[in-house]
Amino acid sequence: GRTYGGKRAGGKNQWETRRKGIREELREKIRQEVSGSRDISDSELYERIDRLIMERGEEDYLPLKERIELRAALFNSFRKLDILQQLIDDPDITEVMINGYDTIFVEKAGKLLQLDEHFENDEDLTRIVQRFVSSMDRTVDASNPIVDARLEDGSRVHVAFPPVALNGATVTIRRFSKNPMTVEKLLEYKSITPEVAEFLQKL
């Protein structure tokens, strides 16, 4: 399973810190390479990513698993939704809360976690969120700063842009678990006490 870096989200992971540095280095190289290219195909983008990962691997050992994760992360940053794509693809995450480019919370297994991972800057977050919203045939900008929508799987999405949002773009995605929440699970997560469970059953 995916490991989120930082003590707040499950313990400091050296690979997360290292991968972040390598990812930013390679992403900048790819951005420079494709800046003058038009309509570069997915296969061409993958070829560039694979070549740069191979070259980087000659300088610094990169195990196969790390290369695969790095390949997906780089592709997502150019073709999909970067960090947001990783969160959406994680079936164990039931809620995503982005409050500006450097503050991301997720709800996972009934627990709220703040991630160390974040977007590069406000412009990067704005670009990703606009791409995300456009995939739902909607637009968001300063003149239309609030969007409420649903994903194909029924997840609720709320987006707010400045000037409504004060700390940069904010995004909330509430997903519906395929395994419905039960009183037993709420007790297990310690979200409610046995007394509250008994009261709810009486109601």
N, C-alpha and C. Protein backbone atom coordinates (compact mmCIF):
# COMPACT_ATOMS: atom_id res chain seq x y z
N GLY A 1 0.82 -1.19 0.00
CA GLY A 1 0.00 0.00 0.00
C GLY A 1 0.85 1.24 0.00
N ARG A 2 0.24 2.36 -0.31
CA ARG A 2 0.95 3.62 -0.41
C ARG A 2 1.31 4.13 0.98
N THR A 3 2.50 4.67 1.11
CA THR A 3 2.95 5.24 2.37
C THR A 3 3.03 6.74 2.24
N TYR A 4 2.37 7.48 3.13
CA TYR A 4 2.44 8.91 3.12
C TYR A 4 3.53 9.35 4.09
N GLY A 5 4.39 10.27 3.62
CA GLY A 5 5.52 10.68 4.44
C GLY A 5 5.12 11.51 5.63
N GLY A 6 6.04 11.57 6.61
CA GLY A 6 5.84 12.45 7.75
C GLY A 6 5.25 11.76 8.95
N LYS A 7 5.60 12.24 10.13
CA LYS A 7 5.10 11.64 11.36
C LYS A 7 3.59 11.76 11.47
N ARG A 8 3.04 12.85 10.90
CA ARG A 8 1.61 13.06 11.02
C ARG A 8 0.83 12.02 10.23
N ALA A 9 1.44 11.38 9.24
CA ALA A 9 0.71 10.44 8.40
C ALA A 9 1.37 9.08 8.37
N GLY A 10 2.01 8.70 9.44
CA GLY A 10 2.45 7.32 9.51
C GLY A 10 3.94 7.10 9.62
N GLY A 11 4.70 8.07 10.13
CA GLY A 11 6.12 7.84 10.35
C GLY A 11 6.98 8.37 9.22
N LYS A 12 8.12 8.92 9.59
CA LYS A 12 9.01 9.50 8.59
C LYS A 12 9.56 8.42 7.69
N ASN A 13 9.47 8.63 6.40
CA ASN A 13 9.90 7.64 5.44
C ASN A 13 10.98 8.27 4.57
N GLN A 14 12.19 7.75 4.67
CA GLN A 14 13.30 8.33 3.93
C GLN A 14 13.06 8.33 2.43
N TRP A 15 12.44 7.25 1.94
CA TRP A 15 12.20 7.18 0.49
C TRP A 15 11.25 8.27 0.05
N GLU A 16 10.26 8.62 0.85
CA GLU A 16 9.32 9.68 0.47
C GLU A 16 10.07 10.99 0.26
N THR A 17 10.98 11.32 1.19
CA THR A 17 11.74 12.56 1.07
C THR A 17 12.65 12.51 -0.15
N ARG A 18 13.31 11.38 -0.33
CA ARG A 18 14.24 11.21 -1.45
C ARG A 18 13.49 11.24 -2.78
N ARG A 19 12.36 10.53 -2.83
CA ARG A 19 11.60 10.47 -4.06
C ARG A 19 11.07 11.85 -4.46
N LYS A 20 10.67 12.62 -3.45
CA LYS A 20 10.16 13.95 -3.73
C LYS A 20 11.22 14.80 -4.42
N GLY A 21 12.46 14.73 -3.92
CA GLY A 21 13.54 15.50 -4.53
C GLY A 21 13.83 15.03 -5.95
N ILE A 22 13.86 13.71 -6.14
CA ILE A 22 14.13 13.17 -7.47
C ILE A 22 12.98 13.51 -8.42
N ARG A 23 11.74 13.40 -7.93
CA ARG A 23 10.57 13.68 -8.76
C ARG A 23 10.59 15.13 -9.25
N GLU A 24 10.90 16.07 -8.33
CA GLU A 24 10.93 17.48 -8.73
C GLU A 24 12.04 17.75 -9.73
N GLU A 25 13.18 17.09 -9.52
CA GLU A 25 14.31 17.25 -10.44
C GLU A 25 13.94 16.76 -11.84
N LEU A 26 13.36 15.56 -11.92
CA LEU A 26 13.00 14.99 -13.22
C LEU A 26 11.83 15.72 -13.85
N ARG A 27 10.88 16.16 -13.03
CA ARG A 27 9.73 16.88 -13.58
C ARG A 27 10.17 18.17 -14.26
N GLU A 28 11.14 18.86 -13.65
CA GLU A 28 11.64 20.10 -14.25
C GLU A 28 12.35 19.80 -15.57
N LYS A 29 13.10 18.70 -15.63
CA LYS A 29 13.78 18.33 -16.87
C LYS A 29 12.78 18.01 -17.96
N ILE A 30 11.72 17.27 -17.60
CA ILE A 30 10.69 16.92 -18.58
C ILE A 30 9.97 18.18 -19.05
N ARG A 31 9.67 19.08 -18.11
CA ARG A 31 8.98 20.32 -18.46
C ARG A 31 9.80 21.11 -19.48
N GLN A 32 11.12 21.14 -19.29
CA GLN A 32 11.99 21.86 -20.22
C GLN A 32 12.00 21.18 -21.59
N GLU A 33 11.98 19.84 -21.58
CA GLU A 33 12.03 19.10 -22.84
C GLU A 33 10.76 19.26 -23.66
N VAL A 34 9.60 19.29 -23.00
CA VAL A 34 8.33 19.32 -23.72
C VAL A 34 7.78 20.73 -23.90
N SER A 35 8.49 21.74 -23.37
CA SER A 35 7.96 23.10 -23.43
C SER A 35 7.73 23.57 -24.86
N GLY A 36 8.56 23.13 -25.79
CA GLY A 36 8.39 23.55 -27.18
C GLY A 36 7.65 22.55 -28.03
N SER A 37 7.20 21.45 -27.42
CA SER A 37 6.51 20.40 -28.17
C SER A 37 5.01 20.59 -28.09
N ARG A 38 4.33 20.29 -29.18
CA ARG A 38 2.88 20.39 -29.21
C ARG A 38 2.27 19.00 -29.34
N ASP A 39 1.22 18.79 -28.58
CA ASP A 39 0.46 17.54 -28.68
C ASP A 39 1.34 16.31 -28.54
N ILE A 40 2.22 16.32 -27.56
CA ILE A 40 3.04 15.15 -27.31
C ILE A 40 2.14 14.02 -26.81
N SER A 41 2.30 12.83 -27.36
CA SER A 41 1.43 11.70 -27.03
C SER A 41 1.82 11.11 -25.68
N ASP A 42 0.91 10.31 -25.13
CA ASP A 42 1.20 9.64 -23.86
C ASP A 42 2.41 8.73 -23.98
N SER A 43 2.50 8.01 -25.11
CA SER A 43 3.62 7.09 -25.29
C SER A 43 4.95 7.85 -25.37
N GLU A 44 4.95 9.01 -26.04
CA GLU A 44 6.17 9.82 -26.11
C GLU A 44 6.54 10.36 -24.75
N LEU A 45 5.53 10.75 -23.97
CA LEU A 45 5.80 11.25 -22.62
C LEU A 45 6.39 10.14 -21.76
N TYR A 46 5.83 8.94 -21.85
CA TYR A 46 6.36 7.81 -21.10
C TYR A 46 7.81 7.51 -21.51
N GLU A 47 8.11 7.63 -22.80
CA GLU A 47 9.47 7.38 -23.28
C GLU A 47 10.46 8.36 -22.65
N ARG A 48 10.07 9.62 -22.59
CA ARG A 48 10.93 10.63 -21.98
C ARG A 48 11.11 10.36 -20.49
N ILE A 49 10.02 10.00 -19.82
CA ILE A 49 10.08 9.70 -18.39
C ILE A 49 10.99 8.51 -18.13
N ASP A 50 10.79 7.43 -18.92
CA ASP A 50 11.60 6.22 -18.74
C ASP A 50 13.08 6.49 -18.97
N ARG A 51 13.38 7.31 -19.99
CA ARG A 51 14.79 7.62 -20.29
C ARG A 51 15.43 8.39 -19.14
N LEU A 52 14.72 9.38 -18.61
CA LEU A 52 15.27 10.19 -17.53
C LEU A 52 15.41 9.39 -16.23
N ILE A 53 14.45 8.50 -15.98
CA ILE A 53 14.56 7.65 -14.79
C ILE A 53 15.76 6.72 -14.92
N MET A 54 15.97 6.18 -16.13
CA MET A 54 17.11 5.28 -16.35
C MET A 54 18.42 6.04 -16.16
N GLU A 55 18.49 7.26 -16.71
CA GLU A 55 19.71 8.06 -16.55
C GLU A 55 19.94 8.40 -15.08
N ARG A 56 18.85 8.74 -14.38
CA ARG A 56 18.98 9.08 -12.95
C ARG A 56 19.38 7.85 -12.14
N GLY A 57 18.90 6.68 -12.57
CA GLY A 57 19.23 5.44 -11.88
C GLY A 57 20.68 5.05 -12.02
N GLU A 58 21.34 5.55 -13.06
CA GLU A 58 22.77 5.28 -13.24
C GLU A 58 23.60 6.10 -12.26
N GLU A 59 23.04 7.24 -11.84
CA GLU A 59 23.73 8.10 -10.88
C GLU A 59 23.48 7.65 -9.44
N ASP A 60 22.27 7.17 -9.20
CA ASP A 60 21.85 6.83 -7.84
C ASP A 60 20.93 5.63 -7.90
N TYR A 61 21.23 4.59 -7.16
CA TYR A 61 20.47 3.33 -7.25
C TYR A 61 18.98 3.55 -6.97
N LEU A 62 18.15 3.08 -7.90
CA LEU A 62 16.70 3.16 -7.75
C LEU A 62 16.11 1.77 -7.95
N PRO A 63 15.61 1.14 -6.88
CA PRO A 63 14.99 -0.18 -7.00
C PRO A 63 13.79 -0.13 -7.95
N LEU A 64 13.42 -1.27 -8.48
CA LEU A 64 12.34 -1.36 -9.46
C LEU A 64 11.04 -0.77 -8.93
N LYS A 65 10.69 -1.08 -7.68
CA LYS A 65 9.44 -0.58 -7.11
C LYS A 65 9.44 0.95 -7.09
N GLU A 66 10.58 1.54 -6.74
CA GLU A 66 10.67 2.99 -6.68
C GLU A 66 10.59 3.60 -8.07
N ARG A 67 11.15 2.92 -9.06
CA ARG A 67 11.08 3.41 -10.44
C ARG A 67 9.63 3.41 -10.93
N ILE A 68 8.90 2.36 -10.59
CA ILE A 68 7.50 2.26 -11.02
C ILE A 68 6.66 3.37 -10.38
N GLU A 69 6.87 3.60 -9.08
CA GLU A 69 6.13 4.65 -8.38
C GLU A 69 6.49 6.03 -8.94
N LEU A 70 7.77 6.24 -9.21
CA LEU A 70 8.24 7.51 -9.75
C LEU A 70 7.68 7.74 -11.15
N ARG A 71 7.64 6.69 -11.94
CA ARG A 71 7.09 6.78 -13.31
C ARG A 71 5.64 7.22 -13.29
N ALA A 72 4.84 6.61 -12.40
CA ALA A 72 3.43 6.95 -12.30
C ALA A 72 3.24 8.38 -11.80
N ALA A 73 4.03 8.79 -10.81
CA ALA A 73 3.92 10.13 -10.24
C ALA A 73 4.25 11.20 -11.28
N LEU A 74 5.29 10.96 -12.08
CA LEU A 74 5.67 11.93 -13.11
C LEU A 74 4.62 12.02 -14.20
N PHE A 75 4.10 10.88 -14.62
CA PHE A 75 3.05 10.89 -15.65
C PHE A 75 1.81 11.63 -15.14
N ASN A 76 1.43 11.35 -13.89
CA ASN A 76 0.25 12.00 -13.31
C ASN A 76 0.40 13.51 -13.26
N SER A 77 1.63 13.98 -13.03
CA SER A 77 1.85 15.42 -12.90
C SER A 77 1.66 16.15 -14.23
N PHE A 78 1.84 15.43 -15.35
CA PHE A 78 1.69 16.06 -16.66
C PHE A 78 0.36 15.73 -17.34
N ARG A 79 -0.15 14.54 -17.11
CA ARG A 79 -1.34 14.12 -17.82
C ARG A 79 -2.59 14.02 -16.96
N LYS A 80 -2.39 13.84 -15.66
CA LYS A 80 -3.56 13.66 -14.81
C LYS A 80 -3.59 14.75 -13.74
N LEU A 81 -3.70 14.37 -12.50
CA LEU A 81 -3.96 15.36 -11.46
C LEU A 81 -2.89 15.39 -10.37
N ASP A 82 -1.68 14.93 -10.74
CA ASP A 82 -0.53 15.02 -9.83
C ASP A 82 -0.86 14.35 -8.48
N ILE A 83 -0.62 15.02 -7.37
CA ILE A 83 -0.88 14.44 -6.05
C ILE A 83 -2.34 14.09 -5.89
N LEU A 84 -3.22 14.93 -6.43
CA LEU A 84 -4.66 14.68 -6.32
C LEU A 84 -5.04 13.35 -6.95
N GLN A 85 -4.39 12.99 -8.05
CA GLN A 85 -4.68 11.72 -8.71
C GLN A 85 -4.34 10.55 -7.79
N GLN A 86 -3.22 10.66 -7.10
CA GLN A 86 -2.80 9.59 -6.19
C GLN A 86 -3.84 9.39 -5.08
N LEU A 87 -4.39 10.50 -4.59
CA LEU A 87 -5.36 10.42 -3.50
C LEU A 87 -6.68 9.84 -3.99
N ILE A 88 -7.11 10.25 -5.18
CA ILE A 88 -8.36 9.75 -5.75
C ILE A 88 -8.26 8.25 -6.03
N ASP A 89 -7.08 7.80 -6.45
CA ASP A 89 -6.89 6.40 -6.80
C ASP A 89 -6.77 5.48 -5.59
N ASP A 90 -6.60 6.05 -4.40
CA ASP A 90 -6.45 5.25 -3.19
C ASP A 90 -7.84 4.88 -2.67
N PRO A 91 -8.25 3.61 -2.76
CA PRO A 91 -9.61 3.23 -2.36
C PRO A 91 -9.87 3.34 -0.87
N ASP A 92 -8.81 3.43 -0.07
CA ASP A 92 -8.97 3.51 1.39
C ASP A 92 -9.22 4.93 1.88
N ILE A 93 -9.05 5.91 1.00
CA ILE A 93 -9.28 7.31 1.38
C ILE A 93 -10.74 7.66 1.11
N THR A 94 -11.44 8.12 2.14
CA THR A 94 -12.86 8.45 2.01
C THR A 94 -13.10 9.95 1.90
N GLU A 95 -12.11 10.76 2.25
CA GLU A 95 -12.27 12.21 2.09
C GLU A 95 -10.92 12.86 1.84
N VAL A 96 -10.92 13.83 0.95
CA VAL A 96 -9.73 14.62 0.63
C VAL A 96 -10.06 16.07 0.91
N MET A 97 -9.19 16.76 1.64
CA MET A 97 -9.40 18.17 1.96
C MET A 97 -8.11 18.94 1.67
N ILE A 98 -8.15 19.80 0.66
CA ILE A 98 -7.00 20.61 0.27
C ILE A 98 -7.30 22.06 0.63
N ASN A 99 -6.46 22.66 1.45
CA ASN A 99 -6.65 24.05 1.88
C ASN A 99 -5.40 24.83 1.53
N GLY A 100 -5.30 25.22 0.26
CA GLY A 100 -4.08 25.86 -0.21
C GLY A 100 -3.08 24.82 -0.68
N TYR A 101 -2.06 25.26 -1.39
CA TYR A 101 -1.13 24.32 -2.03
C TYR A 101 -0.33 23.48 -1.04
N ASP A 102 -0.15 23.97 0.19
CA ASP A 102 0.75 23.27 1.11
C ASP A 102 0.03 22.59 2.28
N THR A 103 -1.29 22.47 2.21
CA THR A 103 -2.04 21.84 3.30
C THR A 103 -3.04 20.84 2.74
N ILE A 104 -2.76 19.55 2.96
CA ILE A 104 -3.64 18.49 2.48
C ILE A 104 -3.97 17.54 3.62
N PHE A 105 -5.25 17.33 3.85
CA PHE A 105 -5.73 16.35 4.82
C PHE A 105 -6.46 15.24 4.08
N VAL A 106 -6.41 14.03 4.62
CA VAL A 106 -7.22 12.93 4.11
C VAL A 106 -7.84 12.19 5.29
N GLU A 107 -8.98 11.60 5.03
CA GLU A 107 -9.59 10.70 6.00
C GLU A 107 -9.36 9.29 5.50
N LYS A 108 -8.71 8.48 6.31
CA LYS A 108 -8.36 7.12 5.91
C LYS A 108 -8.62 6.18 7.08
N ALA A 109 -9.44 5.15 6.84
CA ALA A 109 -9.78 4.20 7.89
C ALA A 109 -10.36 4.90 9.10
N GLY A 110 -11.16 5.94 8.84
CA GLY A 110 -11.82 6.64 9.93
C GLY A 110 -10.94 7.63 10.68
N LYS A 111 -9.70 7.82 10.22
CA LYS A 111 -8.79 8.73 10.91
C LYS A 111 -8.38 9.87 9.99
N LEU A 112 -8.28 11.07 10.55
CA LEU A 112 -7.89 12.25 9.79
C LEU A 112 -6.38 12.42 9.85
N LEU A 113 -5.74 12.51 8.69
CA LEU A 113 -4.29 12.62 8.61
C LEU A 113 -3.91 13.84 7.79
N GLN A 114 -2.89 14.57 8.25
CA GLN A 114 -2.34 15.64 7.44
C GLN A 114 -1.09 15.12 6.75
N LEU A 115 -1.02 15.32 5.43
CA LEU A 115 0.09 14.80 4.65
C LEU A 115 1.24 15.79 4.60
N ASP A 116 2.45 15.26 4.50
CA ASP A 116 3.61 16.11 4.27
C ASP A 116 3.71 16.49 2.79
N GLU A 117 3.16 15.66 1.92
CA GLU A 117 3.18 15.95 0.50
C GLU A 117 2.30 17.16 0.20
N HIS A 118 2.70 17.96 -0.78
CA HIS A 118 1.88 19.09 -1.17
C HIS A 118 2.24 19.51 -2.59
N PHE A 119 1.47 20.44 -3.13
CA PHE A 119 1.73 20.96 -4.47
C PHE A 119 2.91 21.93 -4.41
N GLU A 120 3.49 22.23 -5.58
CA GLU A 120 4.68 23.08 -5.61
C GLU A 120 4.37 24.50 -5.14
N ASN A 121 3.27 25.06 -5.63
CA ASN A 121 2.91 26.44 -5.31
C ASN A 121 1.44 26.66 -5.67
N ASP A 122 0.95 27.89 -5.47
CA ASP A 122 -0.45 28.19 -5.77
C ASP A 122 -0.77 27.97 -7.24
N GLU A 123 0.17 28.34 -8.12
CA GLU A 123 -0.08 28.19 -9.55
C GLU A 123 -0.22 26.72 -9.94
N ASP A 124 0.60 25.87 -9.33
CA ASP A 124 0.54 24.44 -9.61
C ASP A 124 -0.80 23.87 -9.16
N LEU A 125 -1.24 24.25 -7.96
CA LEU A 125 -2.53 23.79 -7.45
C LEU A 125 -3.67 24.30 -8.33
N THR A 126 -3.63 25.57 -8.70
CA THR A 126 -4.68 26.15 -9.55
C THR A 126 -4.79 25.40 -10.87
N ARG A 127 -3.65 25.10 -11.48
CA ARG A 127 -3.63 24.38 -12.76
C ARG A 127 -4.26 22.99 -12.62
N ILE A 128 -3.88 22.27 -11.55
CA ILE A 128 -4.39 20.93 -11.35
C ILE A 128 -5.90 20.95 -11.07
N VAL A 129 -6.33 21.88 -10.22
CA VAL A 129 -7.75 21.95 -9.87
C VAL A 129 -8.60 22.32 -11.09
N GLN A 130 -8.11 23.25 -11.92
CA GLN A 130 -8.85 23.61 -13.12
C GLN A 130 -8.95 22.43 -14.08
N ARG A 131 -7.89 21.64 -14.16
CA ARG A 131 -7.92 20.44 -14.99
C ARG A 131 -8.92 19.43 -14.43
N PHE A 132 -8.94 19.30 -13.12
CA PHE A 132 -9.86 18.40 -12.44
C PHE A 132 -11.31 18.82 -12.67
N VAL A 133 -11.59 20.11 -12.52
CA VAL A 133 -12.95 20.61 -12.68
C VAL A 133 -13.40 20.50 -14.14
N SER A 134 -12.49 20.75 -15.07
CA SER A 134 -12.85 20.66 -16.49
C SER A 134 -13.22 19.24 -16.89
N SER A 135 -12.67 18.25 -16.17
CA SER A 135 -13.01 16.86 -16.47
C SER A 135 -14.47 16.55 -16.12
N MET A 136 -15.08 17.43 -15.32
CA MET A 136 -16.49 17.30 -14.96
C MET A 136 -17.36 18.29 -15.75
N ASP A 137 -16.77 18.83 -16.85
CA ASP A 137 -17.46 19.80 -17.71
C ASP A 137 -17.89 21.04 -16.94
N ARG A 138 -17.05 21.47 -16.04
CA ARG A 138 -17.31 22.70 -15.29
C ARG A 138 -16.08 23.60 -15.39
N THR A 139 -16.25 24.85 -14.99
CA THR A 139 -15.13 25.79 -14.98
C THR A 139 -15.07 26.48 -13.63
N VAL A 140 -13.87 26.83 -13.22
CA VAL A 140 -13.69 27.56 -11.97
C VAL A 140 -12.59 28.59 -12.17
N ASP A 141 -12.86 29.83 -11.77
CA ASP A 141 -11.89 30.91 -11.86
C ASP A 141 -12.35 32.03 -10.93
N ALA A 142 -11.69 33.18 -11.01
CA ALA A 142 -12.03 34.28 -10.12
C ALA A 142 -13.45 34.79 -10.32
N SER A 143 -13.95 34.72 -11.56
CA SER A 143 -15.31 35.18 -11.82
C SER A 143 -16.36 34.12 -11.49
N ASN A 144 -15.94 32.86 -11.40
CA ASN A 144 -16.83 31.76 -11.03
C ASN A 144 -16.11 30.90 -10.00
N PRO A 145 -15.98 31.44 -8.75
CA PRO A 145 -15.04 30.84 -7.79
C PRO A 145 -15.55 29.62 -7.02
N ILE A 146 -16.82 29.25 -7.17
CA ILE A 146 -17.34 28.12 -6.40
C ILE A 146 -17.96 27.09 -7.34
N VAL A 147 -17.58 25.84 -7.15
CA VAL A 147 -18.14 24.74 -7.95
C VAL A 147 -18.52 23.60 -7.02
N ASP A 148 -19.74 23.11 -7.19
CA ASP A 148 -20.20 21.90 -6.51
C ASP A 148 -20.56 20.89 -7.59
N ALA A 149 -20.01 19.70 -7.50
CA ALA A 149 -20.24 18.70 -8.54
C ALA A 149 -20.13 17.30 -7.95
N ARG A 150 -20.32 16.32 -8.81
CA ARG A 150 -20.18 14.91 -8.42
C ARG A 150 -19.30 14.20 -9.43
N LEU A 151 -18.47 13.29 -8.94
CA LEU A 151 -17.69 12.44 -9.82
C LEU A 151 -18.58 11.30 -10.31
N GLU A 152 -18.07 10.54 -11.28
CA GLU A 152 -18.85 9.44 -11.85
C GLU A 152 -19.22 8.40 -10.80
N ASP A 153 -18.37 8.23 -9.79
CA ASP A 153 -18.65 7.23 -8.76
C ASP A 153 -19.58 7.76 -7.67
N GLY A 154 -20.06 9.00 -7.85
CA GLY A 154 -20.99 9.58 -6.89
C GLY A 154 -20.34 10.45 -5.83
N SER A 155 -19.01 10.51 -5.81
CA SER A 155 -18.31 11.33 -4.82
C SER A 155 -18.70 12.80 -4.97
N ARG A 156 -18.88 13.46 -3.83
CA ARG A 156 -19.23 14.88 -3.84
C ARG A 156 -17.96 15.72 -3.89
N VAL A 157 -17.98 16.77 -4.70
CA VAL A 157 -16.82 17.63 -4.87
C VAL A 157 -17.22 19.08 -4.63
N HIS A 158 -16.44 19.78 -3.82
CA HIS A 158 -16.65 21.21 -3.60
C HIS A 158 -15.32 21.91 -3.82
N VAL A 159 -15.32 22.94 -4.67
CA VAL A 159 -14.11 23.69 -4.99
C VAL A 159 -14.39 25.17 -4.76
N ALA A 160 -13.43 25.87 -4.15
CA ALA A 160 -13.54 27.31 -3.97
C ALA A 160 -12.21 27.96 -4.35
N PHE A 161 -12.30 29.01 -5.14
CA PHE A 161 -11.13 29.77 -5.59
C PHE A 161 -11.14 31.16 -4.94
N PRO A 162 -9.98 31.82 -4.88
CA PRO A 162 -9.97 33.22 -4.47
C PRO A 162 -10.86 34.03 -5.42
N PRO A 163 -11.52 35.08 -4.96
CA PRO A 163 -11.38 35.71 -3.65
C PRO A 163 -12.23 35.07 -2.55
N VAL A 164 -13.05 34.06 -2.89
CA VAL A 164 -13.86 33.40 -1.87
C VAL A 164 -12.98 32.63 -0.90
N ALA A 165 -12.00 31.90 -1.42
CA ALA A 165 -11.04 31.17 -0.58
C ALA A 165 -9.86 32.07 -0.28
N LEU A 166 -9.52 32.22 0.99
CA LEU A 166 -8.50 33.19 1.39
C LEU A 166 -7.08 32.65 1.29
N ASN A 167 -6.90 31.32 1.38
CA ASN A 167 -5.56 30.74 1.41
C ASN A 167 -5.19 30.03 0.12
N GLY A 168 -5.77 30.46 -0.99
CA GLY A 168 -5.57 29.74 -2.24
C GLY A 168 -6.73 28.79 -2.47
N ALA A 169 -6.67 28.03 -3.55
CA ALA A 169 -7.76 27.13 -3.90
C ALA A 169 -7.99 26.10 -2.79
N THR A 170 -9.27 25.80 -2.54
CA THR A 170 -9.62 24.74 -1.59
C THR A 170 -10.47 23.71 -2.31
N VAL A 171 -10.25 22.46 -1.95
CA VAL A 171 -10.97 21.35 -2.59
C VAL A 171 -11.37 20.36 -1.52
N THR A 172 -12.62 19.94 -1.56
CA THR A 172 -13.09 18.87 -0.69
C THR A 172 -13.74 17.80 -1.54
N ILE A 173 -13.29 16.57 -1.38
CA ILE A 173 -13.88 15.43 -2.10
C ILE A 173 -14.35 14.42 -1.06
N ARG A 174 -15.65 14.18 -1.04
CA ARG A 174 -16.22 13.21 -0.11
C ARG A 174 -16.62 11.98 -0.89
N ARG A 175 -15.93 10.88 -0.62
CA ARG A 175 -16.19 9.64 -1.35
C ARG A 175 -17.10 8.73 -0.55
N PHE A 176 -17.82 7.90 -1.28
CA PHE A 176 -18.72 6.96 -0.64
C PHE A 176 -18.09 5.58 -0.66
N SER A 177 -17.84 5.06 0.51
CA SER A 177 -17.21 3.75 0.61
C SER A 177 -18.12 2.66 0.08
N LYS A 178 -17.50 1.67 -0.57
CA LYS A 178 -18.28 0.52 -1.05
C LYS A 178 -18.73 -0.35 0.13
N ASN A 179 -18.07 -0.16 1.25
CA ASN A 179 -18.46 -0.87 2.47
C ASN A 179 -19.11 0.14 3.41
N PRO A 180 -20.43 0.14 3.50
CA PRO A 180 -21.14 1.14 4.29
C PRO A 180 -20.67 1.18 5.74
N MET A 181 -20.74 2.37 6.32
CA MET A 181 -20.37 2.53 7.72
C MET A 181 -21.45 1.90 8.59
N THR A 182 -21.04 1.20 9.62
CA THR A 182 -21.96 0.56 10.55
C THR A 182 -21.65 1.05 11.96
N VAL A 183 -22.57 0.80 12.87
CA VAL A 183 -22.35 1.16 14.26
C VAL A 183 -21.13 0.43 14.80
N GLU A 184 -20.97 -0.82 14.38
CA GLU A 184 -19.82 -1.61 14.84
C GLU A 184 -18.50 -0.95 14.41
N LYS A 185 -18.47 -0.46 13.16
CA LYS A 185 -17.26 0.20 12.67
C LYS A 185 -17.01 1.50 13.41
N LEU A 186 -18.08 2.25 13.68
CA LEU A 186 -17.93 3.50 14.42
C LEU A 186 -17.36 3.24 15.82
N LEU A 187 -17.81 2.15 16.43
CA LEU A 187 -17.27 1.78 17.74
C LEU A 187 -15.80 1.37 17.62
N GLU A 188 -15.49 0.62 16.56
CA GLU A 188 -14.11 0.17 16.35
C GLU A 188 -13.18 1.36 16.13
N TYR A 189 -13.66 2.38 15.36
CA TYR A 189 -12.85 3.57 15.10
C TYR A 189 -12.84 4.53 16.29
N LYS A 190 -13.64 4.19 17.31
CA LYS A 190 -13.79 5.04 18.49
C LYS A 190 -14.36 6.42 18.13
N SER A 191 -15.21 6.41 17.09
CA SER A 191 -15.89 7.64 16.70
C SER A 191 -17.08 7.91 17.61
N ILE A 192 -17.63 6.86 18.20
CA ILE A 192 -18.72 7.01 19.16
C ILE A 192 -18.45 6.09 20.35
N THR A 193 -19.14 6.35 21.43
CA THR A 193 -19.00 5.52 22.64
C THR A 193 -20.11 4.48 22.64
N PRO A 194 -19.97 3.42 23.43
CA PRO A 194 -21.04 2.42 23.53
C PRO A 194 -22.37 3.04 23.97
N GLU A 195 -22.30 4.07 24.82
CA GLU A 195 -23.53 4.72 25.28
C GLU A 195 -24.25 5.41 24.12
N VAL A 196 -23.46 6.06 23.23
CA VAL A 196 -24.06 6.72 22.06
C VAL A 196 -24.65 5.68 21.12
N ALA A 197 -23.94 4.56 20.94
CA ALA A 197 -24.45 3.49 20.07
C ALA A 197 -25.78 2.95 20.60
N GLU A 198 -25.87 2.76 21.90
CA GLU A 198 -27.10 2.26 22.50
C GLU A 198 -28.23 3.28 22.31
N PHE A 199 -27.90 4.56 22.46
CA PHE A 199 -28.91 5.62 22.29
C PHE A 199 -29.41 5.65 20.85
N LEU A 200 -28.48 5.53 19.89
CA LEU A 200 -28.87 5.54 18.47
C LEU A 200 -29.76 4.35 18.14
N GLN A 201 -29.47 3.18 18.71
CA GLN A 201 -30.27 2.00 18.47
C GLN A 201 -31.70 2.20 19.01
N LYS A 202 -31.81 2.87 20.14
CA LYS A 202 -33.13 3.14 20.70
C LYS A 202 -33.92 4.10 19.81
N LEU A 203 -33.20 5.08 19.26
CA LEU A 203 -33.87 6.02 18.35
C LEU A 203 -34.38 5.32 17.10
